[in-house]
Structures are given as C-alpha cells and as structure tokens.
Protein backbone atom coordinates (compact mmCIF):
# COMPACT_ATOMS: atom_id res chain seq x y z
CA MET A 1 139.67 122.00 91.90
CA ARG A 2 139.54 118.45 93.23
CA HIS A 3 135.89 117.60 92.68
CA ASN A 4 135.11 113.87 93.18
CA LYS A 5 138.74 112.90 93.90
CA LYS A 6 138.16 110.89 96.96
CA PHE A 7 140.61 108.01 96.17
CA ASN A 8 143.67 107.63 98.38
CA HIS A 9 146.69 107.21 96.15
CA LEU A 10 148.89 106.01 99.12
CA GLY A 11 151.95 107.69 97.67
CA ARG A 12 152.23 105.20 94.79
CA LYS A 13 151.70 105.00 91.04
CA ALA A 14 148.56 103.13 89.91
CA ALA A 15 150.32 99.89 89.02
CA HIS A 16 152.16 99.72 92.29
CA ARG A 17 148.99 100.56 94.25
CA GLY A 18 147.01 97.89 92.38
CA ALA A 19 149.65 95.20 93.01
CA MET A 20 149.88 96.09 96.63
CA LEU A 21 146.16 95.98 97.23
CA SER A 22 145.83 92.71 95.38
CA ASN A 23 148.61 91.14 97.55
CA MET A 24 147.07 92.55 100.73
CA ALA A 25 143.67 91.23 99.68
CA CYS A 26 145.14 87.79 99.10
CA SER A 27 146.84 87.83 102.47
CA LEU A 28 143.54 88.90 104.19
CA ILE A 29 141.77 86.04 102.51
CA MET A 30 144.35 83.45 103.36
CA HIS A 31 145.10 84.59 106.94
CA LYS A 32 141.71 86.14 107.78
CA ARG A 33 143.50 89.00 109.63
CA ILE A 34 146.46 91.29 108.76
CA GLN A 35 148.21 94.10 110.47
CA THR A 36 148.84 97.31 108.38
CA THR A 37 148.50 101.08 108.53
CA THR A 38 145.04 102.59 108.81
CA ALA A 39 145.28 104.36 105.46
CA LYS A 40 146.12 101.06 103.69
CA ALA A 41 143.40 99.26 105.60
CA LYS A 42 140.74 101.73 104.48
CA ALA A 43 141.87 101.46 100.91
CA LEU A 44 141.95 97.72 101.21
CA ARG A 45 138.33 97.64 102.54
CA ILE A 46 137.12 99.49 99.55
CA TYR A 47 139.12 97.12 97.30
CA VAL A 48 138.18 93.80 98.84
CA GLU A 49 134.42 94.19 99.81
CA PRO A 50 133.22 94.03 96.21
CA ILE A 51 135.32 90.93 95.59
CA LEU A 52 133.84 89.25 98.68
CA THR A 53 130.34 90.17 97.44
CA ARG A 54 131.11 88.57 94.11
CA ALA A 55 132.39 85.47 95.68
CA LYS A 56 128.98 84.73 97.30
CA GLU A 57 127.80 83.37 94.03
CA ASP A 58 130.12 80.63 92.67
CA THR A 59 129.89 80.94 88.90
CA THR A 60 132.60 80.80 86.27
CA PRO A 61 132.34 84.55 85.31
CA ASN A 62 132.63 85.55 89.01
CA ARG A 63 135.65 83.33 89.49
CA ARG A 64 137.35 84.91 86.40
CA ILE A 65 136.62 88.43 87.57
CA VAL A 66 137.92 87.65 91.06
CA PHE A 67 141.03 85.98 89.64
CA ALA A 68 141.67 88.98 87.44
CA GLU A 69 141.75 91.11 90.65
CA LEU A 70 143.63 88.77 92.92
CA LYS A 71 145.98 86.91 90.56
CA GLN A 72 146.57 84.02 93.09
CA LYS A 73 144.90 80.67 92.48
CA GLU A 74 145.13 79.59 96.17
CA ALA A 75 143.42 82.70 97.39
CA VAL A 76 140.57 82.40 94.84
CA THR A 77 140.01 78.74 95.89
CA GLU A 78 140.00 79.68 99.55
CA LEU A 79 137.70 82.51 98.88
CA PHE A 80 135.13 80.54 96.93
CA GLN A 81 135.29 77.39 99.07
CA ASN A 82 135.58 78.58 102.72
CA VAL A 83 135.04 82.35 103.02
CA ALA A 84 132.00 82.45 100.81
CA GLU A 85 130.15 79.92 103.08
CA LYS A 86 130.72 82.06 106.19
CA ILE A 87 129.61 85.37 104.58
CA ALA A 88 126.74 83.93 102.61
CA ASN A 89 124.02 85.44 104.81
CA ARG A 90 125.77 88.78 105.53
CA PRO A 91 124.44 91.61 103.39
CA GLY A 92 127.80 93.58 103.50
CA GLY A 93 130.45 94.81 105.95
CA TYR A 94 132.66 91.81 105.69
CA THR A 95 135.70 93.47 107.17
CA ARG A 96 136.41 95.13 110.48
CA ILE A 97 139.25 97.60 111.25
CA LEU A 98 140.66 97.58 114.79
CA ARG A 99 143.05 100.39 115.59
CA THR A 100 146.14 99.29 117.61
CA GLY A 101 148.13 102.53 118.13
CA HIS A 102 151.09 104.08 116.46
CA ARG A 103 154.19 102.49 114.98
CA LEU A 104 157.45 103.16 116.77
CA GLY A 105 159.59 104.08 113.80
CA ASP A 106 157.50 106.77 112.07
CA ALA A 107 154.41 107.05 114.32
CA ALA A 108 152.14 105.81 111.58
CA GLU A 109 148.67 104.81 112.79
CA MET A 110 148.47 101.02 112.80
CA CYS A 111 145.49 98.74 112.83
CA ILE A 112 144.35 95.23 112.32
CA ILE A 113 141.89 94.54 109.45
CA GLU A 114 140.03 91.24 109.67
CA LEU A 115 137.13 89.33 108.22
CA VAL A 116 134.18 89.73 110.59
CA ASP A 117 132.94 86.21 110.53
CA TYR A 118 136.32 84.72 111.51
CA ASN A 119 136.91 86.46 114.86
CA GLU A 120 135.62 83.89 117.26
CA ASN A 121 136.18 86.06 120.39
CA MET A 122 133.91 88.85 119.11
CA LEU A 123 131.25 86.40 117.91
CA LYS A 124 131.03 84.91 121.39
CA GLU A 125 130.62 88.34 122.94
CA VAL A 126 127.89 89.17 120.46
CA LYS A 127 125.96 86.04 121.28
CA LYS A 128 126.25 86.61 125.03
CA THR A 129 125.03 90.12 124.80
CA ALA A 130 122.14 89.28 122.51
CA LYS A 131 120.68 86.86 125.06
CA LYS A 132 120.88 89.35 127.95
CA THR A 133 119.27 92.32 126.23
CA THR A 134 115.63 92.78 127.22
CA ARG A 135 113.24 95.62 126.89
CA ARG A 136 112.35 97.30 130.22
CA ALA A 137 108.93 98.30 128.82
CA GLY A 138 108.03 94.66 128.28
CA LYS A 139 107.94 93.99 132.01
CA LYS A 140 105.79 96.98 132.82
CA THR A 141 103.13 96.13 130.26
CA ALA A 142 102.96 92.54 131.58
CA VAL A 143 102.37 93.81 135.12
CA LYS A 144 99.71 96.32 133.88
CA ALA A 145 97.94 93.66 131.98
CA GLU A 146 97.40 91.56 135.16
CA GLU A 147 96.21 94.60 137.20
CA VAL A 148 93.61 95.82 134.67
CA PRO A 149 90.17 94.19 135.13
CA ALA A 150 88.50 92.36 132.28
CA GLU A 151 85.52 94.79 131.97
CA THR A 152 85.77 97.86 129.87
CA PRO A 153 86.47 101.31 131.53
CA ALA A 154 82.93 102.50 130.76
CA GLU A 155 81.33 99.66 132.68
CA ALA A 156 83.81 99.91 135.64
CA PRO A 157 82.59 101.96 138.56
CA ALA A 158 84.41 105.22 139.04
CA GLU A 159 86.68 105.21 142.03
CA THR A 160 86.78 108.29 144.07
CA PRO A 161 89.72 109.48 146.11
CA ALA A 162 87.69 109.09 149.30
CA GLU A 163 87.23 105.36 148.65
CA ALA A 164 90.87 104.69 148.05
CA PRO A 165 92.68 103.46 151.12
CA ALA A 166 94.99 105.92 152.79
CA ALA A 167 98.66 105.04 152.69
CA GLU A 168 100.06 105.01 156.21
C-alpha cells in the first residue's frame, strides 16, 4: 500500500534529487525564471517556497538554514537582499508555472517556472485589469438612490395604475 507517499522521486536517488533541486532553486533565485519539465517544476515549487518564506525575515538562523539547503553563497545573498524585498508583502505563492508545450526529443511536457513578482509583463496586465473592473450593481443602486424620494414609503401617497401615464 502506498499511503501518504505523495513525493515525486523524479527517477533519482535521494542525494541526486536533493542536489538537483538545490541547483535548480539557486538558478531560479539568480535568474528569476528557468525552463524545465513540468514534473521537476512542481517538485521545485514544493522545495523552494519554504525557502522563500524563510528569507522574508533576515536573521542569522534563517540565513544558516537557507544556506544549508542552497549551498551557494551568491544565491543566498541575492535571496536575502533583492528577492526578499519584492516578496515581503506576499503571503505565499511566490512561483508561477507556465506550460510551454512538449520537448521534441522525448515529448516531455515543458514549462517555465518563474518568481511571480519579477514578471513585469504580467504585473502590468494585472494593474490594467484592476483599474477597469467595476461592479455593475453599483451603477444601478446609484440611479435608484436618485429616483427614490426623501420621505418614507409609509408617508408617500399610494400611486395607482390609473394615475400612471400611459406609455405610447
């Protein structure tokens, strides 16, 4: 039985898989976007998101824990100086996976994994759409507020259908 065995081993032994994910995480931090297979990207997302969360607070223990995972001084410096500032207000979901199709050689599903706050094109689209979105109900309530008289419905005279002007 395979109860609670959700981890993707990626066809590698534990040491090889750990080294590969560490190197991919360093590349993602340094370049902000990498191209890989979808299976590796999903495994990398699970690996790198807790590291990014830990980097939001710049303390010596956090730096040591992140360095133990990444093992590259330049990547740790980049993470704590530049990346942590951009993701400081984000509560999670630091990475985005964009599928790009299949690889020619073996038809593996390929994708791009990137840091969300570094894709300037998508950030511009989000800002544009945020300004344009309005609630349609807001306009109707504003019009109704102008049409309703100030007196309460109990004091207002009852309007009969005979008094209403005929639409011609």
